[in-house]
Amino acid sequence: MLTKEQCYGQLLLGKAVKSEGWLETIRVEALESAKALHFPSERHDDWRFTDLSPLFQHGFQPVGSFARLKLADIEKFLIPGSIRLVFVDGSFDAGLSDLAQAGAGVKVKSLVECLGDPQVEAHFARHVPFKQDAFAALNTRFFEDGAFVHVAGEHVAGEVSAPIHILHVASKREAPSAIYPRCLVVMESNSRATVVEDYVGLEDGINFSDAVTEVVLKDHAQLQHVRVQREAKNAFHIGHCSVVAGTGSVYASTSLAFGARVSRHALHVTQQGEGAEIRLNGLALIAGRQVADTHTRIDHAAPGGKSVQLHKCIADGAAHAVFSGKVIVHRGAAGTDSVQSSRNLLLSGKARIDTQPQLEIFNDDVSCKHGATVGQIDADALFFLKSRGLSEERARNLLTHAFAAEIIARIPVPSLVESLSLNILEERMKGNA
């Protein structure tokens, strides 16, 4: 068993990926930041509810050679009719990808193939706080490849009809491995698209996925952003997403956490333009000894912004779910309308949920609400179903499914809604998590 310091030191010895020009400068800065920083501890307020000690027990090695998969290996994760980018252990796999439906004005490619694109240079590592966050610094230094999505405005393409599916696959490896998924999405003015980030594990390998995503919405752009984390139950997943929303833009996010022994997703949305709308939906469905931590922050920094957030946690066994949602209304953000709700369901006496909705308001001309509930399955509803002939287990499963389905149903990809409902939810409710 390694100490916390040894585990972090092992990650700092990751494989140095050769880059040139502006990217190499950023990688050098990221390494300096990573060396100056360290794993957060319970003394950090944002991490005081999250126990990272299971992560420190492993010495994660850089991926030396990448697994070669067949399409049949990932078939159950595919979204029919989608524009698909596939990454295996952090490396782009062109053979498993399908970009045929990416039409004019839509660029969906490997990030390293687009380093000469001015939009990549303008936005890569400009929004994620890699100088203050150790995990973001490690990703920025050691990422092998990533996804780049650029959607032109209405004068070229306007709306992407097919969902863009970015599938990150973690294979089972002999030694615990560190993987660094990366994604950059740039939406030009008046463009529309749906992007699905999907993190999956093929087997119960011990992997550490350190993921970073940056999203830029220019004026009046609209993005439906779906994030699904369903990695192996022995894996570890830390993700950070930074979003910048321009004037009149709409950012709608649905984030689901089902897998991994310990997972955390930090989502930071900054409303930079007047009248931007932000909709955040989240669900953590965990059991056993899983830990799932969701931290969100919405910065209303311009007038007339609107944000609506609903996050749900369902914890069974001895699982521990954490939700911390902060909404900050800055002085110049008059007319802000914000609603935040955290609803949580405990399925066992050993499960634990910590929820912390927060508002910081520095402007009087606002309408802001927030609230949280934590409870168990409604006894009257359970009795009603049992009186109709259902077993207690079946009745509990139906009520749990209904509680979770409100979030899953908001995913704008029907085939993904169906697969998640039929497969993942049923497995978790049967106690297989």
Protein backbone atom coordinates (compact mmCIF):
# COMPACT_ATOMS: atom_id res chain seq x y z
CA MET A 1 0.00 0.00 0.00
CA LEU A 2 1.36 3.41 -0.97
CA THR A 3 1.21 6.59 1.02
CA LYS A 4 -0.65 9.59 -0.33
CA GLU A 5 2.66 11.25 -1.22
CA GLN A 6 3.97 8.14 -3.00
CA CYS A 7 0.80 7.81 -5.08
CA TYR A 8 1.00 11.44 -6.19
CA GLY A 9 4.70 11.13 -6.89
CA GLN A 10 4.00 8.11 -9.08
CA LEU A 11 1.54 10.15 -11.15
CA LEU A 12 4.14 12.90 -11.61
CA LEU A 13 6.34 10.30 -13.32
CA GLY A 14 3.79 9.89 -16.10
CA LYS A 15 4.77 9.57 -19.73
CA ALA A 16 5.86 12.92 -21.13
CA VAL A 17 4.01 13.49 -24.40
CA LYS A 18 6.05 15.50 -26.91
CA SER A 19 4.42 18.68 -28.14
CA GLU A 20 5.50 21.79 -29.96
CA GLY A 21 4.96 25.52 -29.79
CA TRP A 22 2.14 26.89 -27.70
CA LEU A 23 1.02 23.47 -26.40
CA GLU A 24 4.47 22.61 -25.09
CA THR A 25 4.50 25.91 -23.19
CA ILE A 26 1.21 24.98 -21.55
CA ARG A 27 2.43 21.48 -20.73
CA VAL A 28 5.52 22.91 -19.02
CA GLU A 29 3.37 25.29 -16.98
CA ALA A 30 1.06 22.41 -16.06
CA LEU A 31 3.95 20.29 -14.83
CA GLU A 32 5.21 23.15 -12.67
CA SER A 33 1.72 23.56 -11.23
CA ALA A 34 1.37 19.82 -10.62
CA LYS A 35 4.67 19.74 -8.73
CA ALA A 36 3.62 22.69 -6.58
CA LEU A 37 0.20 21.23 -5.82
CA HIS A 38 -0.85 17.91 -4.28
CA PHE A 39 -3.87 15.74 -3.69
CA PRO A 40 -6.51 17.69 -1.74
CA SER A 41 -7.22 16.63 1.81
CA GLU A 42 -10.14 16.91 4.22
CA ARG A 43 -8.74 20.32 5.20
CA HIS A 44 -9.83 21.64 1.80
CA ASP A 45 -13.41 22.82 2.21
CA ASP A 46 -14.48 21.49 -1.20
CA TRP A 47 -13.16 18.02 -0.32
CA ARG A 48 -14.10 17.69 3.34
CA PHE A 49 -16.88 15.17 2.66
CA THR A 50 -14.95 13.06 0.16
CA ASP A 51 -12.63 10.26 1.23
CA LEU A 52 -9.92 9.80 -1.41
CA SER A 53 -7.91 7.29 0.61
CA PRO A 54 -8.92 4.28 -1.58
CA LEU A 55 -7.22 6.07 -4.48
CA PHE A 56 -3.92 6.31 -2.61
CA GLN A 57 -3.60 2.54 -2.25
CA HIS A 58 -2.48 2.11 -5.85
CA GLY A 59 0.60 3.07 -7.82
CA PHE A 60 -0.85 4.14 -11.15
CA GLN A 61 1.39 3.60 -14.16
CA PRO A 62 1.26 5.51 -17.45
CA VAL A 63 -0.26 3.58 -20.34
CA GLY A 64 2.65 2.20 -22.37
CA SER A 65 0.78 0.35 -25.12
CA PHE A 66 -2.86 0.81 -26.00
CA ALA A 67 -5.39 -2.01 -26.14
CA ARG A 68 -6.65 -3.01 -29.58
CA LEU A 69 -10.40 -3.49 -29.47
CA LYS A 70 -13.00 -4.61 -31.95
CA LEU A 71 -16.31 -2.93 -32.58
CA ALA A 72 -18.06 -5.89 -30.95
CA ASP A 73 -16.23 -5.08 -27.69
CA ILE A 74 -18.01 -1.73 -27.38
CA GLU A 75 -21.22 -2.49 -29.27
CA LYS A 76 -23.45 -2.25 -26.20
CA PHE A 77 -22.30 1.33 -25.59
CA LEU A 78 -22.90 2.66 -29.11
CA ILE A 79 -25.56 5.24 -29.96
CA PRO A 80 -27.19 4.41 -33.32
CA GLY A 81 -26.91 7.17 -35.89
CA SER A 82 -24.42 9.23 -33.90
CA ILE A 83 -21.21 10.96 -34.91
CA ARG A 84 -18.76 8.85 -32.91
CA LEU A 85 -15.27 9.48 -31.56
CA VAL A 86 -13.74 6.58 -29.62
CA PHE A 87 -10.75 6.76 -27.30
CA VAL A 88 -9.23 3.63 -25.75
CA ASP A 89 -7.19 4.29 -22.59
CA GLY A 90 -6.85 7.90 -23.68
CA SER A 91 -5.73 7.22 -27.26
CA PHE A 92 -7.86 7.98 -30.33
CA ASP A 93 -9.00 4.88 -32.23
CA ALA A 94 -9.96 5.84 -35.79
CA GLY A 95 -11.07 2.29 -36.60
CA LEU A 96 -13.77 2.33 -33.93
CA SER A 97 -14.90 5.87 -34.70
CA ASP A 98 -17.55 6.91 -37.22
CA LEU A 99 -17.49 10.51 -38.43
CA ALA A 100 -19.53 9.98 -41.59
CA GLN A 101 -22.45 12.15 -40.46
CA ALA A 102 -20.33 15.18 -39.57
CA GLY A 103 -21.44 17.54 -42.33
CA ALA A 104 -20.28 20.94 -43.50
CA GLY A 105 -19.37 23.32 -40.74
CA VAL A 106 -19.03 20.51 -38.17
CA LYS A 107 -15.56 19.47 -37.11
CA VAL A 108 -15.36 16.38 -34.89
CA LYS A 109 -11.79 15.15 -34.73
CA SER A 110 -8.88 14.03 -32.64
CA LEU A 111 -7.55 17.01 -30.72
CA VAL A 112 -3.91 16.41 -31.62
CA GLU A 113 -4.87 16.48 -35.30
CA CYS A 114 -6.24 20.00 -34.84
CA LEU A 115 -3.47 21.75 -32.92
CA GLY A 116 -3.08 24.17 -35.83
CA ASP A 117 -6.74 25.20 -35.63
CA PRO A 118 -6.97 28.77 -34.27
CA GLN A 119 -9.98 27.82 -32.12
CA VAL A 120 -7.93 25.15 -30.36
CA GLU A 121 -5.08 27.52 -29.59
CA ALA A 122 -7.52 30.22 -28.47
CA HIS A 123 -9.43 28.04 -26.00
CA PHE A 124 -7.41 24.97 -24.99
CA ALA A 125 -6.47 25.14 -21.28
CA ARG A 126 -7.75 28.74 -21.13
CA HIS A 127 -10.82 27.98 -19.01
CA VAL A 128 -9.94 25.04 -16.75
CA PRO A 129 -8.02 26.16 -13.61
CA PHE A 130 -4.98 23.91 -14.07
CA LYS A 131 -2.76 26.25 -12.06
CA GLN A 132 -4.95 25.82 -8.98
CA ASP A 133 -6.22 22.24 -9.37
CA ALA A 134 -3.81 19.30 -9.15
CA PHE A 135 -6.00 16.93 -11.17
CA ALA A 136 -6.47 19.47 -13.98
CA ALA A 137 -2.71 20.12 -13.97
CA LEU A 138 -1.91 16.40 -14.28
CA ASN A 139 -4.34 16.03 -17.17
CA THR A 140 -2.98 19.07 -18.99
CA ARG A 141 0.56 17.73 -18.66
CA PHE A 142 0.01 14.07 -19.50
CA PHE A 143 -3.05 13.81 -21.79
CA GLU A 144 -2.32 11.67 -24.84
CA ASP A 145 -5.14 12.87 -27.07
CA GLY A 146 -8.63 14.23 -26.84
CA ALA A 147 -11.79 15.20 -28.67
CA PHE A 148 -12.25 18.49 -30.50
CA VAL A 149 -15.74 19.56 -31.51
CA HIS A 150 -16.28 22.78 -33.43
CA VAL A 151 -19.72 23.72 -34.75
CA ALA A 152 -19.98 26.67 -37.11
CA GLY A 153 -22.79 29.22 -37.01
CA GLU A 154 -26.09 29.21 -38.85
CA HIS A 155 -24.66 30.73 -42.01
CA VAL A 156 -22.76 27.44 -42.54
CA ALA A 157 -24.43 24.60 -40.68
CA GLY A 158 -26.57 25.90 -37.86
CA GLU A 159 -27.75 22.71 -36.18
CA VAL A 160 -26.09 19.29 -35.93
CA SER A 161 -28.94 16.80 -36.29
CA ALA A 162 -27.06 13.71 -35.08
CA PRO A 163 -25.73 13.49 -31.50
CA ILE A 164 -21.96 13.66 -31.15
CA HIS A 165 -20.87 10.67 -29.05
CA ILE A 166 -17.44 10.89 -27.42
CA LEU A 167 -16.79 7.41 -26.00
CA HIS A 168 -13.88 6.98 -23.58
CA VAL A 169 -13.14 3.29 -22.97
CA ALA A 170 -10.96 2.05 -20.11
CA SER A 171 -9.67 -1.45 -20.78
CA LYS A 172 -8.54 -3.94 -18.16
CA ARG A 173 -4.77 -3.79 -17.74
CA GLU A 174 -2.34 -5.86 -15.70
CA ALA A 175 -1.16 -2.87 -13.65
CA PRO A 176 -3.28 0.03 -12.36
CA SER A 177 -3.16 2.69 -15.07
CA ALA A 178 -3.65 6.45 -15.25
CA ILE A 179 -5.76 7.73 -18.16
CA TYR A 180 -6.21 11.39 -19.10
CA PRO A 181 -9.31 11.99 -21.28
CA ARG A 182 -9.59 15.49 -22.75
CA CYS A 183 -12.34 17.33 -24.61
CA LEU A 184 -12.76 20.80 -26.12
CA VAL A 185 -16.12 21.95 -27.51
CA VAL A 186 -16.46 25.31 -29.29
CA MET A 187 -19.94 26.40 -30.40
CA GLU A 188 -20.01 29.36 -32.76
CA SER A 189 -22.80 31.97 -32.67
CA ASN A 190 -26.30 30.61 -33.38
CA SER A 191 -25.13 26.98 -33.56
CA ARG A 192 -26.87 24.00 -31.96
CA ALA A 193 -25.66 20.53 -31.05
CA THR A 194 -25.93 17.60 -28.65
CA VAL A 195 -22.70 16.17 -27.24
CA VAL A 196 -22.56 12.96 -25.19
CA GLU A 197 -19.43 12.33 -23.12
CA ASP A 198 -19.45 8.66 -22.14
CA TYR A 199 -16.91 7.05 -19.79
CA VAL A 200 -17.10 3.26 -19.70
CA GLY A 201 -15.07 0.32 -18.42
CA LEU A 202 -14.94 -3.05 -20.16
CA GLU A 203 -13.95 -5.09 -17.13
CA ASP A 204 -13.25 -4.61 -13.44
CA GLY A 205 -9.80 -3.15 -13.93
CA ILE A 206 -8.20 -0.69 -11.53
CA ASN A 207 -7.87 2.47 -13.61
CA PHE A 208 -7.66 6.13 -12.71
CA SER A 209 -9.41 8.42 -15.20
CA ASP A 210 -8.50 12.08 -14.78
CA ALA A 211 -10.80 13.89 -17.24
CA VAL A 212 -10.96 17.54 -18.31
CA THR A 213 -13.56 19.18 -20.58
CA GLU A 214 -13.80 22.78 -21.75
CA VAL A 215 -16.91 24.19 -23.42
CA VAL A 216 -17.25 27.59 -25.12
CA LEU A 217 -20.69 28.84 -26.18
CA LYS A 218 -20.59 31.99 -28.25
CA ASP A 219 -23.57 34.32 -28.61
CA HIS A 220 -26.94 32.53 -28.98
CA ALA A 221 -25.35 29.08 -29.27
CA GLN A 222 -27.21 26.13 -27.75
CA LEU A 223 -25.65 22.94 -26.41
CA GLN A 224 -27.23 19.85 -24.91
CA HIS A 225 -24.34 18.30 -22.97
CA VAL A 226 -24.76 14.77 -21.59
CA ARG A 227 -22.10 13.22 -19.37
CA VAL A 228 -22.34 9.54 -18.36
CA GLN A 229 -19.80 7.98 -16.00
CA ARG A 230 -20.25 4.19 -15.90
CA GLU A 231 -16.76 2.87 -15.38
CA ALA A 232 -15.83 -0.37 -13.62
CA LYS A 233 -16.66 -0.69 -9.95
CA ASN A 234 -12.95 -0.81 -8.99
CA ALA A 235 -12.03 2.25 -11.04
CA PHE A 236 -11.44 5.83 -9.93
CA HIS A 237 -12.74 8.84 -11.81
CA ILE A 238 -12.05 12.56 -11.29
CA GLY A 239 -13.57 14.95 -13.83
CA HIS A 240 -13.59 18.71 -14.30
CA CYS A 241 -15.71 20.66 -16.80
CA SER A 242 -15.47 24.43 -17.34
CA VAL A 243 -18.13 26.17 -19.42
CA VAL A 244 -18.26 29.75 -20.72
CA ALA A 245 -21.70 30.96 -21.84
CA GLY A 246 -22.05 33.97 -24.15
CA THR A 247 -24.93 36.36 -24.73
CA GLY A 248 -28.29 34.64 -25.21
CA SER A 249 -26.72 31.18 -25.18
CA VAL A 250 -28.30 28.05 -23.68
CA TYR A 251 -26.26 25.41 -21.88
CA ALA A 252 -28.24 22.33 -20.80
CA SER A 253 -26.32 19.62 -18.96
CA THR A 254 -27.40 16.18 -17.77
CA SER A 255 -24.71 14.41 -15.75
CA LEU A 256 -25.01 10.82 -14.52
CA ALA A 257 -22.68 8.95 -12.14
CA PHE A 258 -23.16 5.20 -11.85
CA GLY A 259 -19.71 3.59 -11.84
CA ALA A 260 -16.28 3.75 -10.17
CA ARG A 261 -15.25 3.04 -6.60
CA VAL A 262 -14.64 6.76 -6.07
CA SER A 263 -15.83 9.41 -8.51
CA ARG A 264 -16.02 13.18 -8.54
CA HIS A 265 -17.34 15.60 -11.13
CA ALA A 266 -16.75 19.34 -10.82
CA LEU A 267 -18.81 21.50 -13.19
CA HIS A 268 -18.16 25.24 -13.36
CA VAL A 269 -20.37 27.39 -15.60
CA THR A 270 -19.67 31.09 -16.09
CA GLN A 271 -22.40 33.28 -17.57
CA GLN A 272 -20.34 35.88 -19.40
CA GLY A 273 -23.04 37.24 -21.71
CA GLU A 274 -26.36 38.90 -21.02
CA GLY A 275 -29.46 36.71 -21.00
CA ALA A 276 -27.70 33.35 -21.02
CA GLU A 277 -29.65 30.34 -19.75
CA ILE A 278 -28.14 27.47 -17.77
CA ARG A 279 -29.93 24.20 -17.00
CA LEU A 280 -28.14 21.58 -14.91
CA ASN A 281 -29.55 18.12 -14.20
CA GLY A 282 -27.63 15.50 -12.25
CA LEU A 283 -28.02 11.99 -10.86
CA ALA A 284 -25.75 9.80 -8.75
CA LEU A 285 -26.96 6.22 -8.34
CA ILE A 286 -24.54 4.18 -6.23
CA ALA A 287 -24.37 1.19 -3.90
CA GLY A 288 -21.85 -1.01 -2.08
CA ARG A 289 -18.95 1.13 -0.89
CA GLN A 290 -19.01 3.59 -3.78
CA VAL A 291 -18.35 7.28 -3.30
CA ALA A 292 -19.82 9.78 -5.78
CA ASP A 293 -19.12 13.48 -5.36
CA THR A 294 -20.68 16.23 -7.50
CA HIS A 295 -19.58 19.84 -7.17
CA THR A 296 -21.19 22.54 -9.29
CA ARG A 297 -20.65 26.27 -9.47
CA ILE A 298 -22.64 28.76 -11.52
CA ASP A 299 -21.24 32.28 -11.81
CA HIS A 300 -23.82 34.78 -12.98
CA ALA A 301 -21.51 37.59 -14.10
CA ALA A 302 -23.82 39.39 -16.57
CA PRO A 303 -27.40 40.72 -16.40
CA GLY A 304 -30.56 38.78 -17.16
CA GLY A 305 -29.18 35.29 -16.61
CA LYS A 306 -31.30 32.30 -15.71
CA SER A 307 -30.26 29.04 -14.10
CA VAL A 308 -32.29 26.01 -13.08
CA GLN A 309 -30.65 23.06 -11.34
CA LEU A 310 -32.00 19.73 -10.13
CA HIS A 311 -29.64 17.15 -8.69
CA LYS A 312 -30.59 13.78 -7.24
CA CYS A 313 -28.58 11.22 -5.28
CA ILE A 314 -29.63 7.63 -4.59
CA ALA A 315 -27.41 5.69 -2.19
CA ASP A 316 -27.71 2.04 -1.18
CA GLY A 317 -25.52 -0.30 0.86
CA ALA A 318 -22.72 1.65 2.54
CA ALA A 319 -22.36 4.13 -0.32
CA HIS A 320 -21.65 7.82 0.18
CA ALA A 321 -22.96 10.53 -2.14
CA VAL A 322 -21.97 14.19 -1.97
CA PHE A 323 -23.57 17.18 -3.67
CA SER A 324 -22.31 20.73 -3.33
CA GLY A 325 -23.91 23.33 -5.56
CA LYS A 326 -22.93 26.98 -5.42
CA VAL A 327 -24.65 29.82 -7.28
CA ILE A 328 -22.88 33.19 -7.23
CA VAL A 329 -24.68 36.31 -8.44
CA HIS A 330 -22.10 39.03 -9.05
CA ARG A 331 -22.67 42.77 -8.67
CA GLY A 332 -23.26 43.38 -12.36
CA ALA A 333 -25.73 40.52 -12.76
CA ALA A 334 -29.02 42.39 -12.25
CA GLY A 335 -32.19 40.51 -13.11
CA THR A 336 -30.77 37.06 -12.40
CA ASP A 337 -33.34 34.28 -11.90
CA SER A 338 -31.94 31.15 -10.26
CA VAL A 339 -33.51 28.01 -8.78
CA GLN A 340 -31.51 25.16 -7.26
CA SER A 341 -32.90 21.91 -5.85
CA SER A 342 -31.19 18.88 -4.30
CA ARG A 343 -33.35 15.78 -3.73
CA ASN A 344 -31.87 12.66 -2.21
CA LEU A 345 -32.93 9.10 -1.45
CA LEU A 346 -31.36 6.78 1.12
CA LEU A 347 -32.02 3.09 0.49
CA SER A 348 -30.23 1.64 3.53
CA GLY A 349 -29.32 2.53 7.08
CA LYS A 350 -25.60 2.51 6.28
CA ALA A 351 -25.77 4.79 3.24
CA ARG A 352 -24.87 8.46 3.60
CA ILE A 353 -25.67 11.58 1.61
CA ASP A 354 -24.19 15.03 2.25
CA THR A 355 -25.87 17.86 0.38
CA GLN A 356 -24.89 21.52 0.44
CA PRO A 357 -26.80 23.94 -1.84
CA GLN A 358 -25.36 27.45 -1.56
CA LEU A 359 -26.22 30.97 -2.72
CA GLU A 360 -23.92 33.99 -2.73
CA ILE A 361 -25.73 37.13 -3.88
CA PHE A 362 -24.08 40.50 -4.43
CA ASN A 363 -26.98 42.21 -6.23
CA ASP A 364 -30.41 43.19 -4.91
CA ASP A 365 -32.29 42.89 -8.20
CA VAL A 366 -32.48 39.07 -8.31
CA SER A 367 -34.82 36.15 -7.72
CA CYS A 368 -33.00 33.16 -6.20
CA LYS A 369 -34.24 30.03 -4.48
CA HIS A 370 -32.59 26.86 -3.24
CA GLY A 371 -33.49 23.84 -1.16
CA ALA A 372 -32.57 20.26 -0.27
CA THR A 373 -34.32 17.12 0.97
CA VAL A 374 -32.97 13.78 2.18
CA GLY A 375 -35.31 10.90 2.89
CA GLN A 376 -36.19 7.25 2.44
CA ILE A 377 -38.71 5.52 0.19
CA ASP A 378 -42.22 6.67 0.99
CA ALA A 379 -43.79 4.07 3.29
CA ASP A 380 -47.34 4.69 2.02
CA ALA A 381 -46.31 4.26 -1.60
CA LEU A 382 -44.43 1.08 -0.71
CA PHE A 383 -47.47 -0.29 1.15
CA PHE A 384 -49.74 0.56 -1.80
CA LEU A 385 -47.62 -1.40 -4.28
CA LYS A 386 -47.24 -4.36 -1.93
CA SER A 387 -51.00 -4.44 -1.43
CA ARG A 388 -51.31 -4.86 -5.22
CA GLY A 389 -49.30 -8.07 -5.08
CA LEU A 390 -45.76 -6.84 -5.67
CA SER A 391 -42.92 -8.14 -3.52
CA GLU A 392 -41.16 -5.60 -1.32
CA GLU A 393 -38.02 -5.79 -3.46
CA ARG A 394 -39.96 -5.22 -6.68
CA ALA A 395 -41.92 -2.36 -5.14
CA ARG A 396 -38.74 -0.67 -3.90
CA ASN A 397 -37.15 -1.06 -7.31
CA LEU A 398 -40.13 0.54 -9.05
CA LEU A 399 -40.14 3.53 -6.70
CA THR A 400 -36.39 3.96 -7.03
CA HIS A 401 -36.64 3.74 -10.81
CA ALA A 402 -39.32 6.43 -10.84
CA PHE A 403 -37.18 8.71 -8.67
CA ALA A 404 -34.18 8.38 -11.00
CA ALA A 405 -36.13 8.38 -14.26
CA GLU A 406 -37.00 12.08 -13.92
CA ILE A 407 -33.35 12.93 -14.59
CA ILE A 408 -32.57 10.24 -17.16
CA ALA A 409 -35.66 11.17 -19.20
CA ARG A 410 -34.17 14.64 -19.77
CA ILE A 411 -31.40 13.20 -21.96
CA PRO A 412 -32.26 14.28 -25.53
CA VAL A 413 -31.12 10.95 -27.04
CA PRO A 414 -33.96 8.37 -26.85
CA SER A 415 -31.78 5.32 -27.48
CA LEU A 416 -29.44 6.32 -24.64
CA VAL A 417 -32.38 6.90 -22.31
CA GLU A 418 -33.65 3.41 -23.09
CA SER A 419 -30.30 1.66 -22.64
CA LEU A 420 -29.57 3.39 -19.35
CA SER A 421 -33.02 2.66 -17.98
CA LEU A 422 -33.03 -1.00 -18.98
CA ASN A 423 -29.44 -1.91 -18.21
CA ILE A 424 -27.69 0.30 -15.70
CA LEU A 425 -30.62 1.13 -13.44
CA GLU A 426 -31.79 -2.46 -13.23
CA GLU A 427 -28.30 -3.71 -12.38
CA ARG A 428 -27.90 -1.17 -9.58
CA MET A 429 -31.32 -1.80 -8.11
CA LYS A 430 -30.62 -5.53 -8.02
CA GLY A 431 -27.60 -4.81 -5.83
CA ASN A 432 -24.92 -5.52 -8.43
CA ALA A 433 -23.14 -2.16 -8.12
